[in-house]
Amino acid sequence: MISLEKTRQSLKSLNLAVIIINIIFAAITVLLVALAAFGFSAMNNPEYQAQIQSQLTPEQLAAIQNSNPALELAATGLVALAYLVVFVLAFLNRKKIDANQPSLLPYYVGIGGVIYNFLTYVIQGTAPTIFAIIVQGGLLALYIFSIQKAKLLLNNSTSNADIS
């Protein structure tokens, strides 16, 4: 038997982890978008192009020149937006958890973000790094555990008795 209070506390802890992780990832992703935008704009500078041509192989230079900066920035911007949406929804969910009426929406949006991240690897035809797999797998586990706790709390919120 698990008490309703322990379930609520566990969900509060998971929700806090979701909030912290998503705000950190959102900040990192926004920084990456800014750096990428700066890098793409620098590619139009002839002096920078001459300097970078000497440091890259012809294949690397061709890959950079054939890339679509607007598409890449938009895709990364969507990732940042997803992190921010999950952060806001999870932050608003704190009071709902206290009232035993948590929303599942932040966790489902988070799972959607993880799926989107994996789909970008498939669409780009690149293999994700081990680090990316571990991070996205950890996020997926966090969202799934949060959904399980939230459903347990929602299904047993009528009384403060033990959950069986």
N, C-alpha and C. Protein backbone atom coordinates (compact mmCIF):
# COMPACT_ATOMS: atom_id res chain seq x y z
N MET A 1 0.83 -1.19 0.00
CA MET A 1 0.00 0.00 0.00
C MET A 1 0.88 1.25 0.00
N ILE A 2 0.53 2.13 -0.87
CA ILE A 2 1.22 3.41 -0.99
C ILE A 2 0.24 4.50 -0.61
N SER A 3 0.69 5.42 0.21
CA SER A 3 -0.23 6.48 0.63
C SER A 3 -0.37 7.52 -0.46
N LEU A 4 -1.49 8.18 -0.44
CA LEU A 4 -1.78 9.23 -1.41
C LEU A 4 -0.79 10.38 -1.25
N GLU A 5 -0.40 10.66 -0.02
CA GLU A 5 0.55 11.74 0.23
C GLU A 5 1.93 11.42 -0.36
N LYS A 6 2.36 10.16 -0.25
CA LYS A 6 3.64 9.78 -0.84
C LYS A 6 3.60 9.88 -2.36
N THR A 7 2.47 9.51 -2.94
CA THR A 7 2.31 9.62 -4.39
C THR A 7 2.35 11.09 -4.81
N ARG A 8 1.66 11.94 -4.06
CA ARG A 8 1.65 13.37 -4.36
C ARG A 8 3.06 13.94 -4.25
N GLN A 9 3.79 13.58 -3.20
CA GLN A 9 5.15 14.08 -3.03
C GLN A 9 6.08 13.59 -4.14
N SER A 10 5.90 12.34 -4.52
CA SER A 10 6.70 11.80 -5.61
C SER A 10 6.42 12.54 -6.91
N LEU A 11 5.16 12.81 -7.19
CA LEU A 11 4.80 13.55 -8.40
C LEU A 11 5.32 14.98 -8.32
N LYS A 12 5.27 15.59 -7.15
CA LYS A 12 5.81 16.95 -7.01
C LYS A 12 7.30 16.97 -7.31
N SER A 13 8.02 15.95 -6.84
CA SER A 13 9.46 15.86 -7.11
C SER A 13 9.73 15.65 -8.60
N LEU A 14 8.98 14.76 -9.22
CA LEU A 14 9.13 14.53 -10.66
C LEU A 14 8.81 15.79 -11.44
N ASN A 15 7.76 16.47 -11.04
CA ASN A 15 7.35 17.70 -11.72
C ASN A 15 8.42 18.78 -11.58
N LEU A 16 9.03 18.89 -10.40
CA LEU A 16 10.11 19.84 -10.20
C LEU A 16 11.30 19.50 -11.10
N ALA A 17 11.60 18.22 -11.23
CA ALA A 17 12.68 17.80 -12.13
C ALA A 17 12.35 18.18 -13.57
N VAL A 18 11.10 18.01 -13.97
CA VAL A 18 10.67 18.38 -15.32
C VAL A 18 10.86 19.88 -15.52
N ILE A 19 10.48 20.68 -14.53
CA ILE A 19 10.62 22.13 -14.62
C ILE A 19 12.09 22.53 -14.78
N ILE A 20 12.93 22.01 -13.91
CA ILE A 20 14.34 22.39 -13.92
C ILE A 20 15.03 21.95 -15.21
N ILE A 21 14.82 20.71 -15.60
CA ILE A 21 15.48 20.18 -16.80
C ILE A 21 15.03 20.95 -18.04
N ASN A 22 13.74 21.22 -18.14
CA ASN A 22 13.25 21.89 -19.35
C ASN A 22 13.70 23.34 -19.43
N ILE A 23 13.82 24.03 -18.31
CA ILE A 23 14.30 25.42 -18.38
C ILE A 23 15.78 25.45 -18.74
N ILE A 24 16.55 24.47 -18.23
CA ILE A 24 17.97 24.40 -18.59
C ILE A 24 18.12 24.09 -20.08
N PHE A 25 17.38 23.09 -20.56
CA PHE A 25 17.47 22.73 -21.98
C PHE A 25 16.96 23.85 -22.88
N ALA A 26 15.94 24.56 -22.44
CA ALA A 26 15.43 25.68 -23.24
C ALA A 26 16.50 26.77 -23.36
N ALA A 27 17.17 27.07 -22.25
CA ALA A 27 18.21 28.10 -22.27
C ALA A 27 19.37 27.67 -23.18
N ILE A 28 19.77 26.42 -23.09
CA ILE A 28 20.86 25.93 -23.93
C ILE A 28 20.46 25.97 -25.41
N THR A 29 19.23 25.57 -25.69
CA THR A 29 18.77 25.54 -27.08
C THR A 29 18.65 26.95 -27.65
N VAL A 30 18.17 27.89 -26.87
CA VAL A 30 18.09 29.29 -27.33
C VAL A 30 19.50 29.82 -27.60
N LEU A 31 20.44 29.46 -26.74
CA LEU A 31 21.82 29.87 -26.96
C LEU A 31 22.37 29.25 -28.25
N LEU A 32 22.05 27.99 -28.49
CA LEU A 32 22.49 27.34 -29.73
C LEU A 32 21.89 28.00 -30.96
N VAL A 33 20.63 28.39 -30.87
CA VAL A 33 19.98 29.09 -32.00
C VAL A 33 20.71 30.41 -32.26
N ALA A 34 21.02 31.15 -31.20
CA ALA A 34 21.72 32.43 -31.37
C ALA A 34 23.11 32.22 -31.97
N LEU A 35 23.83 31.22 -31.48
CA LEU A 35 25.16 30.94 -32.02
C LEU A 35 25.09 30.48 -33.48
N ALA A 36 24.12 29.66 -33.79
CA ALA A 36 23.97 29.18 -35.18
C ALA A 36 23.60 30.34 -36.09
N ALA A 37 22.71 31.21 -35.64
CA ALA A 37 22.34 32.38 -36.46
C ALA A 37 23.56 33.26 -36.70
N PHE A 38 24.37 33.44 -35.69
CA PHE A 38 25.59 34.23 -35.84
C PHE A 38 26.54 33.55 -36.82
N GLY A 39 26.68 32.24 -36.69
CA GLY A 39 27.57 31.49 -37.59
C GLY A 39 27.11 31.53 -39.03
N PHE A 40 25.80 31.39 -39.25
CA PHE A 40 25.28 31.44 -40.61
C PHE A 40 25.42 32.83 -41.21
N SER A 41 25.25 33.85 -40.39
CA SER A 41 25.41 35.21 -40.92
C SER A 41 26.88 35.50 -41.22
N ALA A 42 27.78 34.91 -40.46
CA ALA A 42 29.20 35.11 -40.71
C ALA A 42 29.65 34.45 -42.01
N MET A 43 28.92 33.42 -42.43
CA MET A 43 29.28 32.73 -43.68
C MET A 43 29.15 33.66 -44.89
N ASN A 44 28.42 34.76 -44.77
CA ASN A 44 28.29 35.72 -45.87
C ASN A 44 29.45 36.71 -45.92
N ASN A 45 30.30 36.68 -44.92
CA ASN A 45 31.45 37.58 -44.86
C ASN A 45 32.61 36.94 -45.64
N PRO A 46 33.11 37.61 -46.70
CA PRO A 46 34.19 37.02 -47.52
C PRO A 46 35.46 36.72 -46.72
N GLU A 47 35.81 37.58 -45.77
CA GLU A 47 37.01 37.34 -44.97
C GLU A 47 36.87 36.07 -44.14
N TYR A 48 35.70 35.89 -43.57
CA TYR A 48 35.45 34.70 -42.75
C TYR A 48 35.45 33.45 -43.63
N GLN A 49 34.86 33.55 -44.82
CA GLN A 49 34.83 32.41 -45.74
C GLN A 49 36.25 31.99 -46.11
N ALA A 50 37.10 32.96 -46.40
CA ALA A 50 38.49 32.65 -46.76
C ALA A 50 39.22 31.98 -45.60
N GLN A 51 38.97 32.48 -44.41
CA GLN A 51 39.64 31.93 -43.23
C GLN A 51 39.17 30.50 -42.95
N ILE A 52 37.86 30.27 -43.05
CA ILE A 52 37.32 28.96 -42.70
C ILE A 52 37.63 27.92 -43.79
N GLN A 53 37.77 28.34 -45.04
CA GLN A 53 38.09 27.41 -46.12
C GLN A 53 39.42 26.71 -45.89
N SER A 54 40.35 27.41 -45.25
CA SER A 54 41.66 26.82 -44.99
C SER A 54 41.61 25.81 -43.85
N GLN A 55 40.57 25.84 -43.02
CA GLN A 55 40.49 24.97 -41.85
C GLN A 55 39.58 23.76 -42.06
N LEU A 56 38.81 23.75 -43.14
CA LEU A 56 37.85 22.68 -43.37
C LEU A 56 38.25 21.85 -44.59
N THR A 57 37.81 20.60 -44.55
CA THR A 57 37.99 19.76 -45.73
C THR A 57 36.96 20.20 -46.77
N PRO A 58 37.18 19.87 -48.04
CA PRO A 58 36.20 20.24 -49.07
C PRO A 58 34.81 19.67 -48.79
N GLU A 59 34.74 18.46 -48.22
CA GLU A 59 33.44 17.85 -47.90
C GLU A 59 32.71 18.64 -46.81
N GLN A 60 33.45 19.05 -45.79
CA GLN A 60 32.85 19.83 -44.71
C GLN A 60 32.36 21.19 -45.22
N LEU A 61 33.17 21.82 -46.05
CA LEU A 61 32.79 23.11 -46.60
C LEU A 61 31.55 22.98 -47.49
N ALA A 62 31.48 21.92 -48.29
CA ALA A 62 30.31 21.70 -49.14
C ALA A 62 29.06 21.45 -48.30
N ALA A 63 29.22 20.71 -47.20
CA ALA A 63 28.07 20.46 -46.33
C ALA A 63 27.55 21.75 -45.72
N ILE A 64 28.44 22.63 -45.33
CA ILE A 64 28.02 23.91 -44.75
C ILE A 64 27.35 24.78 -45.81
N GLN A 65 27.92 24.82 -46.99
CA GLN A 65 27.37 25.66 -48.05
C GLN A 65 26.04 25.14 -48.56
N ASN A 66 25.82 23.84 -48.50
CA ASN A 66 24.57 23.25 -48.98
C ASN A 66 23.49 23.17 -47.91
N SER A 67 23.82 23.55 -46.71
CA SER A 67 22.83 23.49 -45.63
C SER A 67 21.79 24.60 -45.81
N ASN A 68 20.65 24.38 -45.18
CA ASN A 68 19.57 25.36 -45.23
C ASN A 68 19.47 26.00 -43.84
N PRO A 69 20.11 27.15 -43.64
CA PRO A 69 20.14 27.76 -42.32
C PRO A 69 18.76 28.08 -41.76
N ALA A 70 17.87 28.55 -42.60
CA ALA A 70 16.54 28.91 -42.10
C ALA A 70 15.81 27.68 -41.58
N LEU A 71 15.92 26.57 -42.29
CA LEU A 71 15.26 25.34 -41.87
C LEU A 71 15.87 24.80 -40.57
N GLU A 72 17.19 24.83 -40.50
CA GLU A 72 17.86 24.35 -39.30
C GLU A 72 17.54 25.23 -38.09
N LEU A 73 17.52 26.53 -38.28
CA LEU A 73 17.18 27.43 -37.18
C LEU A 73 15.73 27.25 -36.75
N ALA A 74 14.84 27.04 -37.72
CA ALA A 74 13.43 26.83 -37.38
C ALA A 74 13.25 25.53 -36.61
N ALA A 75 13.93 24.47 -37.01
CA ALA A 75 13.81 23.19 -36.31
C ALA A 75 14.34 23.30 -34.89
N THR A 76 15.47 23.97 -34.73
CA THR A 76 16.03 24.14 -33.39
C THR A 76 15.15 25.08 -32.56
N GLY A 77 14.57 26.07 -33.20
CA GLY A 77 13.64 26.97 -32.51
C GLY A 77 12.41 26.23 -32.01
N LEU A 78 11.92 25.26 -32.79
CA LEU A 78 10.78 24.45 -32.35
C LEU A 78 11.14 23.62 -31.12
N VAL A 79 12.36 23.11 -31.08
CA VAL A 79 12.80 22.36 -29.90
C VAL A 79 12.81 23.27 -28.68
N ALA A 80 13.35 24.47 -28.84
CA ALA A 80 13.38 25.43 -27.73
C ALA A 80 11.96 25.77 -27.27
N LEU A 81 11.07 25.96 -28.22
CA LEU A 81 9.67 26.26 -27.90
C LEU A 81 9.03 25.11 -27.14
N ALA A 82 9.30 23.88 -27.55
CA ALA A 82 8.73 22.72 -26.85
C ALA A 82 9.22 22.66 -25.41
N TYR A 83 10.51 22.92 -25.20
CA TYR A 83 11.05 22.93 -23.83
C TYR A 83 10.37 24.02 -23.00
N LEU A 84 10.16 25.19 -23.59
CA LEU A 84 9.51 26.28 -22.86
C LEU A 84 8.04 25.96 -22.55
N VAL A 85 7.35 25.35 -23.50
CA VAL A 85 5.94 24.98 -23.27
C VAL A 85 5.84 23.97 -22.14
N VAL A 86 6.70 22.96 -22.16
CA VAL A 86 6.68 21.95 -21.09
C VAL A 86 7.00 22.61 -19.75
N PHE A 87 7.98 23.52 -19.74
CA PHE A 87 8.32 24.23 -18.50
C PHE A 87 7.12 24.98 -17.95
N VAL A 88 6.46 25.76 -18.80
CA VAL A 88 5.32 26.57 -18.35
C VAL A 88 4.18 25.67 -17.86
N LEU A 89 3.86 24.63 -18.63
CA LEU A 89 2.76 23.73 -18.24
C LEU A 89 3.08 22.99 -16.93
N ALA A 90 4.31 22.56 -16.77
CA ALA A 90 4.70 21.87 -15.54
C ALA A 90 4.69 22.85 -14.36
N PHE A 91 5.10 24.08 -14.60
CA PHE A 91 5.08 25.08 -13.54
C PHE A 91 3.64 25.35 -13.08
N LEU A 92 2.73 25.45 -14.04
CA LEU A 92 1.32 25.67 -13.71
C LEU A 92 0.69 24.43 -13.06
N ASN A 93 1.28 23.29 -13.29
CA ASN A 93 0.75 22.03 -12.77
C ASN A 93 1.02 21.86 -11.27
N ARG A 94 1.91 22.66 -10.70
CA ARG A 94 2.25 22.51 -9.29
C ARG A 94 1.03 22.64 -8.38
N LYS A 95 0.20 23.64 -8.61
CA LYS A 95 -0.99 23.83 -7.77
C LYS A 95 -2.02 22.74 -8.01
N LYS A 96 -2.09 22.25 -9.24
CA LYS A 96 -3.03 21.17 -9.55
C LYS A 96 -2.62 19.88 -8.84
N ILE A 97 -1.34 19.68 -8.69
CA ILE A 97 -0.87 18.49 -7.97
C ILE A 97 -1.28 18.58 -6.50
N ASP A 98 -1.15 19.75 -5.92
CA ASP A 98 -1.56 19.94 -4.52
C ASP A 98 -3.04 19.67 -4.33
N ALA A 99 -3.84 19.93 -5.36
CA ALA A 99 -5.29 19.71 -5.30
C ALA A 99 -5.67 18.30 -5.77
N ASN A 100 -4.69 17.43 -5.97
CA ASN A 100 -4.91 16.06 -6.44
C ASN A 100 -5.57 16.01 -7.81
N GLN A 101 -5.39 17.03 -8.62
CA GLN A 101 -5.94 17.08 -9.97
C GLN A 101 -4.86 17.47 -10.98
N PRO A 102 -3.77 16.69 -11.03
CA PRO A 102 -2.67 17.07 -11.93
C PRO A 102 -3.06 16.94 -13.40
N SER A 103 -2.47 17.77 -14.20
CA SER A 103 -2.67 17.70 -15.65
C SER A 103 -1.60 16.78 -16.24
N LEU A 104 -1.99 16.00 -17.21
CA LEU A 104 -1.05 15.12 -17.89
C LEU A 104 -0.41 15.82 -19.10
N LEU A 105 -0.95 16.97 -19.47
CA LEU A 105 -0.52 17.68 -20.67
C LEU A 105 0.98 17.98 -20.72
N PRO A 106 1.61 18.49 -19.65
CA PRO A 106 3.03 18.80 -19.78
C PRO A 106 3.87 17.57 -20.11
N TYR A 107 3.47 16.43 -19.59
CA TYR A 107 4.24 15.21 -19.81
C TYR A 107 4.02 14.65 -21.21
N TYR A 108 2.80 14.78 -21.71
CA TYR A 108 2.53 14.34 -23.08
C TYR A 108 3.23 15.26 -24.09
N VAL A 109 3.25 16.55 -23.82
CA VAL A 109 3.97 17.48 -24.70
C VAL A 109 5.47 17.15 -24.65
N GLY A 110 5.97 16.83 -23.48
CA GLY A 110 7.37 16.44 -23.35
C GLY A 110 7.70 15.19 -24.14
N ILE A 111 6.81 14.20 -24.11
CA ILE A 111 7.02 12.98 -24.90
C ILE A 111 7.00 13.33 -26.38
N GLY A 112 6.11 14.23 -26.77
CA GLY A 112 6.08 14.69 -28.16
C GLY A 112 7.40 15.35 -28.56
N GLY A 113 7.98 16.10 -27.65
CA GLY A 113 9.28 16.73 -27.92
C GLY A 113 10.39 15.72 -28.10
N VAL A 114 10.37 14.66 -27.28
CA VAL A 114 11.37 13.60 -27.41
C VAL A 114 11.22 12.90 -28.76
N ILE A 115 9.97 12.60 -29.13
CA ILE A 115 9.72 11.96 -30.42
C ILE A 115 10.18 12.88 -31.56
N TYR A 116 9.89 14.17 -31.45
CA TYR A 116 10.32 15.14 -32.47
C TYR A 116 11.85 15.14 -32.60
N ASN A 117 12.55 15.11 -31.46
CA ASN A 117 14.01 15.10 -31.51
C ASN A 117 14.54 13.87 -32.23
N PHE A 118 13.95 12.70 -31.96
CA PHE A 118 14.39 11.50 -32.64
C PHE A 118 14.03 11.54 -34.13
N LEU A 119 12.88 12.11 -34.45
CA LEU A 119 12.48 12.22 -35.86
C LEU A 119 13.42 13.14 -36.65
N THR A 120 13.95 14.16 -35.99
CA THR A 120 14.89 15.05 -36.70
C THR A 120 16.15 14.29 -37.09
N TYR A 121 16.58 13.36 -36.26
CA TYR A 121 17.73 12.53 -36.62
C TYR A 121 17.41 11.68 -37.85
N VAL A 122 16.21 11.10 -37.87
CA VAL A 122 15.81 10.26 -39.00
C VAL A 122 15.70 11.09 -40.27
N ILE A 123 15.07 12.25 -40.17
CA ILE A 123 14.87 13.11 -41.34
C ILE A 123 16.21 13.62 -41.88
N GLN A 124 17.10 14.00 -40.97
CA GLN A 124 18.41 14.50 -41.40
C GLN A 124 19.32 13.38 -41.87
N GLY A 125 18.99 12.15 -41.53
CA GLY A 125 19.82 11.02 -41.92
C GLY A 125 21.10 10.90 -41.13
N THR A 126 21.09 11.48 -39.92
CA THR A 126 22.27 11.39 -39.06
C THR A 126 21.98 10.48 -37.89
N ALA A 127 23.02 9.89 -37.38
CA ALA A 127 22.87 9.02 -36.21
C ALA A 127 23.02 9.86 -34.95
N PRO A 128 22.13 9.68 -33.98
CA PRO A 128 22.28 10.43 -32.73
C PRO A 128 23.49 9.93 -31.95
N THR A 129 24.07 10.82 -31.18
CA THR A 129 25.20 10.42 -30.34
C THR A 129 24.68 9.63 -29.14
N ILE A 130 25.56 8.92 -28.51
CA ILE A 130 25.20 8.16 -27.31
C ILE A 130 24.66 9.11 -26.24
N PHE A 131 25.29 10.27 -26.12
CA PHE A 131 24.84 11.26 -25.14
C PHE A 131 23.41 11.70 -25.43
N ALA A 132 23.10 11.96 -26.71
CA ALA A 132 21.75 12.38 -27.09
C ALA A 132 20.73 11.29 -26.78
N ILE A 133 21.10 10.05 -27.05
CA ILE A 133 20.20 8.93 -26.76
C ILE A 133 19.94 8.82 -25.26
N ILE A 134 20.99 8.95 -24.47
CA ILE A 134 20.84 8.86 -23.01
C ILE A 134 19.97 10.00 -22.48
N VAL A 135 20.21 11.22 -22.95
CA VAL A 135 19.44 12.38 -22.49
C VAL A 135 17.97 12.23 -22.88
N GLN A 136 17.72 11.91 -24.14
CA GLN A 136 16.33 11.78 -24.59
C GLN A 136 15.64 10.58 -23.92
N GLY A 137 16.38 9.50 -23.71
CA GLY A 137 15.82 8.35 -22.99
C GLY A 137 15.50 8.70 -21.55
N GLY A 138 16.37 9.47 -20.92
CA GLY A 138 16.11 9.91 -19.55
C GLY A 138 14.89 10.81 -19.46
N LEU A 139 14.77 11.72 -20.43
CA LEU A 139 13.58 12.58 -20.47
C LEU A 139 12.32 11.75 -20.67
N LEU A 140 12.38 10.79 -21.57
CA LEU A 140 11.23 9.93 -21.83
C LEU A 140 10.83 9.17 -20.56
N ALA A 141 11.81 8.63 -19.85
CA ALA A 141 11.52 7.92 -18.60
C ALA A 141 10.91 8.86 -17.57
N LEU A 142 11.44 10.07 -17.46
CA LEU A 142 10.90 11.05 -16.52
C LEU A 142 9.44 11.37 -16.82
N TYR A 143 9.13 11.57 -18.10
CA TYR A 143 7.74 11.88 -18.48
C TYR A 143 6.82 10.69 -18.23
N ILE A 144 7.29 9.49 -18.53
CA ILE A 144 6.46 8.30 -18.31
C ILE A 144 6.20 8.08 -16.83
N PHE A 145 7.22 8.20 -16.00
CA PHE A 145 7.02 8.06 -14.55
C PHE A 145 6.06 9.13 -14.02
N SER A 146 6.19 10.35 -14.54
CA SER A 146 5.30 11.43 -14.11
C SER A 146 3.86 11.14 -14.50
N ILE A 147 3.65 10.61 -15.69
CA ILE A 147 2.30 10.26 -16.13
C ILE A 147 1.73 9.16 -15.24
N GLN A 148 2.54 8.16 -14.91
CA GLN A 148 2.07 7.07 -14.05
C GLN A 148 1.66 7.60 -12.68
N LYS A 149 2.47 8.45 -12.09
CA LYS A 149 2.15 9.00 -10.76
C LYS A 149 0.91 9.90 -10.84
N ALA A 150 0.82 10.70 -11.91
CA ALA A 150 -0.32 11.60 -12.05
C ALA A 150 -1.62 10.80 -12.22
N LYS A 151 -1.57 9.75 -13.01
CA LYS A 151 -2.77 8.92 -13.18
C LYS A 151 -3.15 8.23 -11.88
N LEU A 152 -2.15 7.77 -11.14
CA LEU A 152 -2.42 7.15 -9.85
C LEU A 152 -3.08 8.14 -8.90
N LEU A 153 -2.60 9.36 -8.91
CA LEU A 153 -3.17 10.41 -8.06
C LEU A 153 -4.58 10.78 -8.52
N LEU A 154 -4.79 10.88 -9.83
CA LEU A 154 -6.11 11.23 -10.36
C LEU A 154 -7.14 10.14 -10.06
N ASN A 155 -6.74 8.90 -10.18
CA ASN A 155 -7.67 7.78 -9.98
C ASN A 155 -8.03 7.55 -8.52
N ASN A 156 -7.21 8.07 -7.61
CA ASN A 156 -7.44 7.83 -6.18
C ASN A 156 -7.55 9.11 -5.39
N SER A 157 -7.99 10.18 -6.02
CA SER A 157 -8.02 11.48 -5.34
C SER A 157 -9.26 11.70 -4.51
N THR A 158 -10.17 10.75 -4.50
CA THR A 158 -11.42 10.95 -3.75
C THR A 158 -11.21 10.82 -2.26
N SER A 159 -10.22 10.06 -1.85
CA SER A 159 -9.96 9.90 -0.42
C SER A 159 -8.46 10.02 -0.17
N ASN A 160 -8.10 10.18 1.04
CA ASN A 160 -6.70 10.28 1.42
C ASN A 160 -6.22 8.95 1.98
N ALA A 161 -6.87 7.89 1.56
CA ALA A 161 -6.51 6.56 2.05
C ALA A 161 -5.32 6.01 1.27
N ASP A 162 -5.00 4.78 1.59
CA ASP A 162 -3.89 4.13 0.89
C ASP A 162 -4.32 3.74 -0.52
N ILE A 163 -3.34 3.74 -1.41
CA ILE A 163 -3.58 3.35 -2.79
C ILE A 163 -3.17 1.89 -2.92
N SER A 164 -4.04 1.10 -3.51
CA SER A 164 -3.68 -0.31 -3.66
C SER A 164 -3.29 -0.63 -5.07
